[in-house]
PDB file of N, CA and C in Angstrom:
ATOM      1  N   UNK A   1       1.006  -1.547  -0.484  1.00  0.00           N
ATOM      2  CA  UNK A   1      -0.046   0.090  -0.325  1.00  0.00           C
ATOM      3  C   UNK A   1       0.524   1.283   0.056  1.00  0.00           C
ATOM      4  N   UNK A   2       2.232   1.250   0.580  1.00  0.00           N
ATOM      5  CA  UNK A   2       2.692   2.061   0.799  1.00  0.00           C
ATOM      6  C   UNK A   2       3.753   2.797  -0.533  1.00  0.00           C
ATOM      7  N   UNK A   3       4.065   1.462  -1.158  1.00  0.00           N
ATOM      8  CA  UNK A   3       4.541   1.943  -2.385  1.00  0.00           C
ATOM      9  C   UNK A   3       3.604   2.333  -3.436  1.00  0.00           C
ATOM     10  N   UNK A   4       2.772   1.747  -3.317  1.00  0.00           N
ATOM     11  CA  UNK A   4       1.242   2.914  -4.368  1.00  0.00           C
ATOM     12  C   UNK A   4       1.299   3.889  -3.812  1.00  0.00           C
ATOM     13  N   UNK A   5       0.928   4.127  -3.417  1.00  0.00           N
ATOM     14  CA  UNK A   5       1.182   5.825  -2.693  1.00  0.00           C
ATOM     15  C   UNK A   5       2.051   6.113  -2.929  1.00  0.00           C
ATOM     16  N   UNK A   6       3.527   5.732  -3.085  1.00  0.00           N
ATOM     17  CA  UNK A   6       4.095   6.548  -3.201  1.00  0.00           C
ATOM     18  C   UNK A   6       4.483   7.344  -4.671  1.00  0.00           C
ATOM     19  N   UNK A   7       4.095   5.577  -5.360  1.00  0.00           N
ATOM     20  CA  UNK A   7       4.324   5.885  -7.285  1.00  0.00           C
ATOM     21  C   UNK A   7       3.383   6.657  -7.170  1.00  0.00           C
ATOM     22  N   UNK A   8       2.287   7.154  -6.483  1.00  0.00           N
ATOM     23  CA  UNK A   8       1.212   7.757  -6.650  1.00  0.00           C
ATOM     24  C   UNK A   8       1.663   9.386  -6.759  1.00  0.00           C
ATOM     25  N   UNK A   9       2.075   9.826  -5.967  1.00  0.00           N
ATOM     26  CA  UNK A   9       2.709  11.140  -4.878  1.00  0.00           C
ATOM     27  C   UNK A   9       3.785  11.497  -6.410  1.00  0.00           C
ATOM     28  N   UNK A  10       4.603  10.571  -6.366  1.00  0.00           N
ATOM     29  CA  UNK A  10       5.540  10.755  -7.951  1.00  0.00           C
ATOM     30  C   UNK A  10       5.172  10.905  -8.878  1.00  0.00           C
ATOM     31  N   UNK A  11       4.272  10.369  -9.749  1.00  0.00           N
ATOM     32  CA  UNK A  11       3.527  10.522 -10.715  1.00  0.00           C
ATOM     33  C   UNK A  11       2.571  11.660 -10.778  1.00  0.00           C
ATOM     34  N   UNK A  12       1.990  12.247  -9.779  1.00  0.00           N
ATOM     35  CA  UNK A  12       1.330  13.328  -9.586  1.00  0.00           C
ATOM     36  C   UNK A  12       2.179  14.639  -9.315  1.00  0.00           C
ATOM     37  N   UNK A  13       2.881  14.177  -8.562  1.00  0.00           N
ATOM     38  CA  UNK A  13       4.124  15.394  -9.105  1.00  0.00           C
ATOM     39  C   UNK A  13       4.522  16.109 -10.248  1.00  0.00           C
ATOM     40  N   UNK A  14       5.180  15.050 -10.679  1.00  0.00           N
ATOM     41  CA  UNK A  14       5.655  15.386 -12.342  1.00  0.00           C
ATOM     42  C   UNK A  14       4.563  15.605 -13.019  1.00  0.00           C
ATOM     43  N   UNK A  15       3.189  14.992 -12.931  1.00  0.00           N
ATOM     44  CA  UNK A  15       2.270  16.129 -14.194  1.00  0.00           C
ATOM     45  C   UNK A  15       2.320  17.085 -14.070  1.00  0.00           C
ATOM     46  N   UNK A  16       1.482  17.366 -12.442  1.00  0.00           N
ATOM     47  CA  UNK A  16       1.867  18.359 -12.061  1.00  0.00           C
ATOM     48  C   UNK A  16       2.850  19.507 -12.133  1.00  0.00           C
ATOM     49  N   UNK A  17       3.695  19.212 -11.892  1.00  0.00           N
ATOM     50  CA  UNK A  17       5.072  20.098 -12.220  1.00  0.00           C
ATOM     51  C   UNK A  17       5.483  20.539 -14.003  1.00  0.00           C
ATOM     52  N   UNK A  18       4.318  19.687 -15.015  1.00  0.00           N
ATOM     53  CA  UNK A  18       4.402  20.745 -16.123  1.00  0.00           C
ATOM     54  C   UNK A  18       3.364  21.672 -16.230  1.00  0.00           C
ATOM     55  N   UNK A  19       2.899  21.939 -15.190  1.00  0.00           N
ATOM     56  CA  UNK A  19       2.040  23.280 -15.031  1.00  0.00           C
ATOM     57  C   UNK A  19       3.096  24.333 -15.046  1.00  0.00           C
ATOM     58  N   UNK A  20       4.338  24.176 -14.843  1.00  0.00           N
ATOM     59  CA  UNK A  20       5.252  24.951 -13.886  1.00  0.00           C
ATOM     60  C   UNK A  20       6.353  25.175 -15.497  1.00  0.00           C
ATOM     61  N   UNK A  21       6.022  26.489 -16.002  1.00  0.00           N
ATOM     62  CA  UNK A  21       6.911  26.758 -17.525  1.00  0.00           C
ATOM     63  C   UNK A  21       7.776  27.627 -17.310  1.00  0.00           C
ATOM     64  N   UNK A  22       8.325  27.728 -15.938  1.00  0.00           N
ATOM     65  CA  UNK A  22       9.396  28.507 -16.006  1.00  0.00           C
ATOM     66  C   UNK A  22      11.127  28.434 -17.546  1.00  0.00           C
ATOM     67  N   UNK A  23      11.524  29.288 -17.955  1.00  0.00           N
ATOM     68  CA  UNK A  23      12.597  29.236 -18.919  1.00  0.00           C
ATOM     69  C   UNK A  23      13.740  28.348 -18.482  1.00  0.00           C
ATOM     70  N   UNK A  24      14.256  27.845 -17.313  1.00  0.00           N
ATOM     71  CA  UNK A  24      15.492  26.886 -16.920  1.00  0.00           C
ATOM     72  C   UNK A  24      14.495  25.402 -16.974  1.00  0.00           C
ATOM     73  N   UNK A  25      13.620  25.323 -17.013  1.00  0.00           N
ATOM     74  CA  UNK A  25      12.647  24.075 -16.361  1.00  0.00           C
ATOM     75  C   UNK A  25      12.691  23.532 -17.942  1.00  0.00           C
ATOM     76  N   UNK A  26      12.058  24.598 -18.535  1.00  0.00           N
ATOM     77  CA  UNK A  26      11.892  24.712 -20.445  1.00  0.00           C
ATOM     78  C   UNK A  26      13.423  23.968 -21.213  1.00  0.00           C
ATOM     79  N   UNK A  27      14.214  24.242 -20.234  1.00  0.00           N
ATOM     80  CA  UNK A  27      15.503  24.283 -20.746  1.00  0.00           C
ATOM     81  C   UNK A  27      16.148  23.062 -20.872  1.00  0.00           C
ATOM     82  N   UNK A  28      15.783  22.634 -19.728  1.00  0.00           N
ATOM     83  CA  UNK A  28      15.990  20.742 -19.363  1.00  0.00           C
ATOM     84  C   UNK A  28      14.865  20.462 -20.181  1.00  0.00           C
ATOM     85  N   UNK A  29      13.711  20.470 -20.502  1.00  0.00           N
ATOM     86  CA  UNK A  29      12.820  19.617 -20.769  1.00  0.00           C
ATOM     87  C   UNK A  29      12.779  19.424 -22.517  1.00  0.00           C
ATOM     88  N   UNK A  30      13.976  20.092 -22.747  1.00  0.00           N
ATOM     89  CA  UNK A  30      14.080  20.524 -24.348  1.00  0.00           C
ATOM     90  C   UNK A  30      15.321  19.384 -24.672  1.00  0.00           C
ATOM     91  N   UNK A  31      16.070  18.844 -23.569  1.00  0.00           N
ATOM     92  CA  UNK A  31      16.926  17.268 -23.798  1.00  0.00           C
ATOM     93  C   UNK A  31      15.594  16.435 -24.056  1.00  0.00           C
ATOM     94  N   UNK A  32      16.476  15.290 -24.806  1.00  0.00           N
ATOM     95  CA  UNK A  32      15.276  14.250 -25.027  1.00  0.00           C
ATOM     96  C   UNK A  32      14.996  13.721 -23.351  1.00  0.00           C
ATOM     97  N   UNK A  33      15.841  13.587 -22.407  1.00  0.00           N
ATOM     98  CA  UNK A  33      16.178  12.353 -21.018  1.00  0.00           C
ATOM     99  C   UNK A  33      15.337  13.345 -20.342  1.00  0.00           C
ATOM    100  N   UNK A  34      15.385  14.954 -20.114  1.00  0.00           N
ATOM    101  CA  UNK A  34      14.457  15.858 -19.338  1.00  0.00           C
ATOM    102  C   UNK A  34      13.259  16.046 -20.156  1.00  0.00           C
ATOM    103  N   UNK A  35      12.750  15.402 -21.746  1.00  0.00           N
ATOM    104  CA  UNK A  35      11.432  15.252 -21.750  1.00  0.00           C
ATOM    105  C   UNK A  35      11.062  14.395 -21.219  1.00  0.00           C
ATOM    106  N   UNK A  36      11.828  13.467 -21.465  1.00  0.00           N
ATOM    107  CA  UNK A  36      11.021  12.195 -20.925  1.00  0.00           C
ATOM    108  C   UNK A  36      10.849  11.697 -19.066  1.00  0.00           C
ATOM    109  N   UNK A  37      11.811  12.458 -18.003  1.00  0.00           N
ATOM    110  CA  UNK A  37      11.462  12.180 -17.377  1.00  0.00           C
ATOM    111  C   UNK A  37      10.400  13.262 -16.663  1.00  0.00           C
ATOM    112  N   UNK A  38      10.369  14.386 -17.462  1.00  0.00           N
ATOM    113  CA  UNK A  38       9.759  15.658 -16.593  1.00  0.00           C
ATOM    114  C   UNK A  38       8.113  15.641 -17.738  1.00  0.00           C
ATOM    115  N   UNK A  39       8.491  15.069 -18.942  1.00  0.00           N
ATOM    116  CA  UNK A  39       7.136  15.180 -19.642  1.00  0.00           C
ATOM    117  C   UNK A  39       6.888  17.111 -20.045  1.00  0.00           C
ATOM    118  N   UNK A  40       6.171  17.568 -21.015  1.00  0.00           N
ATOM    119  CA  UNK A  40       5.604  18.538 -21.177  1.00  0.00           C
ATOM    120  C   UNK A  40       4.756  18.996 -21.121  1.00  0.00           C
ATOM    121  N   UNK A  41       3.180  18.513 -21.058  1.00  0.00           N
ATOM    122  CA  UNK A  41       2.601  19.105 -21.345  1.00  0.00           C
ATOM    123  C   UNK A  41       1.819  18.427 -19.985  1.00  0.00           C
ATOM    124  N   UNK A  42       0.631  18.913 -19.245  1.00  0.00           N
ATOM    125  CA  UNK A  42      -0.317  18.511 -18.375  1.00  0.00           C
ATOM    126  C   UNK A  42      -1.503  18.519 -19.000  1.00  0.00           C
ATOM    127  N   UNK A  43      -1.955  16.826 -18.600  1.00  0.00           N
ATOM    128  CA  UNK A  43      -3.153  16.588 -18.776  1.00  0.00           C
ATOM    129  C   UNK A  43      -4.125  15.865 -17.644  1.00  0.00           C
ATOM    130  N   UNK A  44      -5.200  16.305 -17.776  1.00  0.00           N
ATOM    131  CA  UNK A  44      -5.909  15.323 -16.765  1.00  0.00           C
ATOM    132  C   UNK A  44      -6.191  14.232 -16.450  1.00  0.00           C
ATOM    133  N   UNK A  45      -6.494  13.475 -17.813  1.00  0.00           N
ATOM    134  CA  UNK A  45      -6.321  12.187 -17.746  1.00  0.00           C
ATOM    135  C   UNK A  45      -5.123  11.387 -17.624  1.00  0.00           C
ATOM    136  N   UNK A  46      -4.168  11.838 -17.424  1.00  0.00           N
ATOM    137  CA  UNK A  46      -2.938  11.288 -17.009  1.00  0.00           C
ATOM    138  C   UNK A  46      -2.925  11.046 -15.485  1.00  0.00           C
ATOM    139  N   UNK A  47      -3.535  11.507 -15.001  1.00  0.00           N
ATOM    140  CA  UNK A  47      -4.100  11.217 -13.081  1.00  0.00           C
ATOM    141  C   UNK A  47      -5.059   9.759 -12.847  1.00  0.00           C
ATOM    142  N   UNK A  48      -5.767   9.801 -14.461  1.00  0.00           N
ATOM    143  CA  UNK A  48      -7.114   8.927 -13.895  1.00  0.00           C
ATOM    144  C   UNK A  48      -6.087   7.397 -14.511  1.00  0.00           C
ATOM    145  N   UNK A  49      -5.426   7.364 -15.130  1.00  0.00           N
ATOM    146  CA  UNK A  49      -4.512   6.557 -16.006  1.00  0.00           C
ATOM    147  C   UNK A  49      -3.170   6.487 -14.750  1.00  0.00           C
ATOM    148  N   UNK A  50      -2.336   7.374 -14.274  1.00  0.00           N
ATOM    149  CA  UNK A  50      -1.931   6.365 -12.990  1.00  0.00           C
ATOM    150  C   UNK A  50      -2.065   5.917 -12.041  1.00  0.00           C
ATOM    151  N   UNK A  51      -3.502   6.749 -11.607  1.00  0.00           N
ATOM    152  CA  UNK A  51      -3.998   5.661 -10.248  1.00  0.00           C
ATOM    153  C   UNK A  51      -4.890   4.386 -10.551  1.00  0.00           C
ATOM    154  N   UNK A  52      -5.464   4.566 -11.644  1.00  0.00           N
ATOM    155  CA  UNK A  52      -5.865   3.028 -12.041  1.00  0.00           C
ATOM    156  C   UNK A  52      -4.776   1.914 -12.680  1.00  0.00           C
ATOM    157  N   UNK A  53      -3.641   2.428 -13.198  1.00  0.00           N
ATOM    158  CA  UNK A  53      -2.373   1.539 -13.189  1.00  0.00           C
ATOM    159  C   UNK A  53      -2.068   1.168 -11.940  1.00  0.00           C
ATOM    160  N   UNK A  54      -1.359   2.071 -10.750  1.00  0.00           N
ATOM    161  CA  UNK A  54      -0.993   1.930  -9.011  1.00  0.00           C
ATOM    162  C   UNK A  54      -1.871   1.109  -8.810  1.00  0.00           C
ATOM    163  N   UNK A  55      -3.263   1.357  -8.463  1.00  0.00           N
ATOM    164  CA  UNK A  55      -4.569   0.108  -7.887  1.00  0.00           C
ATOM    165  C   UNK A  55      -4.230  -1.602  -8.853  1.00  0.00           C
ATOM    166  N   UNK A  56      -4.552  -1.215  -9.635  1.00  0.00           N
ATOM    167  CA  UNK A  56      -4.028  -2.836 -11.191  1.00  0.00           C
ATOM    168  C   UNK A  56      -3.291  -3.491 -10.550  1.00  0.00           C
ATOM    169  N   UNK A  57      -2.228  -2.704 -10.405  1.00  0.00           N
ATOM    170  CA  UNK A  57      -0.609  -3.006  -9.982  1.00  0.00           C
ATOM    171  C   UNK A  57      -0.845  -3.382  -8.656  1.00  0.00           C
ATOM    172  N   UNK A  58      -1.254  -2.810  -7.578  1.00  0.00           N
ATOM    173  CA  UNK A  58      -1.187  -3.537  -6.027  1.00  0.00           C
ATOM    174  C   UNK A  58      -2.623  -4.311  -6.372  1.00  0.00           C
ATOM    175  N   UNK A  59      -3.241  -4.580  -6.164  1.00  0.00           N
ATOM    176  CA  UNK A  59      -3.917  -5.969  -6.947  1.00  0.00           C
ATOM    177  C   UNK A  59      -3.333  -6.798  -7.301  1.00  0.00           C
ATOM    178  N   UNK A  60      -2.715  -6.791  -8.315  1.00  0.00           N
ATOM    179  CA  UNK A  60      -2.309  -8.102  -8.365  1.00  0.00           C
ATOM    180  C   UNK A  60      -0.904  -8.728  -7.314  1.00  0.00           C
ATOM    181  N   UNK A  61      -0.027  -7.813  -7.133  1.00  0.00           N
ATOM    182  CA  UNK A  61       0.888  -7.927  -6.395  1.00  0.00           C
ATOM    183  C   UNK A  61       0.137  -8.457  -4.854  1.00  0.00           C
ATOM    184  N   UNK A  62      -1.049  -8.252  -4.676  1.00  0.00           N
ATOM    185  CA  UNK A  62      -1.792  -8.656  -3.401  1.00  0.00           C
ATOM    186  C   UNK A  62      -2.317 -10.382  -3.204  1.00  0.00           C
ATOM    187  N   UNK A  63      -2.433 -10.212  -5.104  1.00  0.00           N
ATOM    188  CA  UNK A  63      -3.103 -11.926  -5.907  1.00  0.00           C
ATOM    189  C   UNK A  63      -2.191 -12.484  -5.644  1.00  0.00           C
ATOM    190  N   UNK A  64      -0.638 -12.399  -5.993  1.00  0.00           N
ATOM    191  CA  UNK A  64      -0.043 -13.203  -5.851  1.00  0.00           C
ATOM    192  C   UNK A  64       0.687 -13.744  -4.750  1.00  0.00           C
ATOM    193  N   UNK A  65       0.707 -12.439  -3.680  1.00  0.00           N
ATOM    194  CA  UNK A  65       0.752 -12.502  -2.778  1.00  0.00           C
ATOM    195  C   UNK A  65      -0.144 -14.005  -1.284  1.00  0.00           C
ATOM    196  N   UNK A  66      -1.532 -13.794  -2.227  1.00  0.00           N
ATOM    197  CA  UNK A  66      -2.065 -14.391  -1.296  1.00  0.00           C
ATOM    198  C   UNK A  66      -1.979 -16.283  -1.738  1.00  0.00           C
ATOM    199  N   UNK A  67      -1.595 -16.346  -2.942  1.00  0.00           N
ATOM    200  CA  UNK A  67      -1.407 -16.909  -4.045  1.00  0.00           C
ATOM    201  C   UNK A  67       0.161 -18.487  -3.139  1.00  0.00           C
ATOM    202  N   UNK A  68       0.627 -18.036  -3.179  1.00  0.00           N
ATOM    203  CA  UNK A  68       2.365 -18.179  -2.835  1.00  0.00           C
ATOM    204  C   UNK A  68       2.060 -18.362  -1.467  1.00  0.00           C
ATOM    205  N   UNK A  69       1.232 -18.005  -0.366  1.00  0.00           N
ATOM    206  CA  UNK A  69       1.114 -18.146   0.830  1.00  0.00           C
ATOM    207  C   UNK A  69       0.278 -19.502   0.697  1.00  0.00           C
TER     208      UNK A  69
END
């Protein structure tokens, strides 16, 4: 559960950081690695996708743990 919350917090932080468009961070985003890590445009549906993905991963992990036990 903590890992799921941490993953969502990081995902949300990166997504909301895309609203910040200062020249220095846009210069970082101009490089391929900066663009891959920071993204470029904020998109509300991404938050839903992150949430669904994290919850599905958590449910899969819980299922595997129960099956292995």
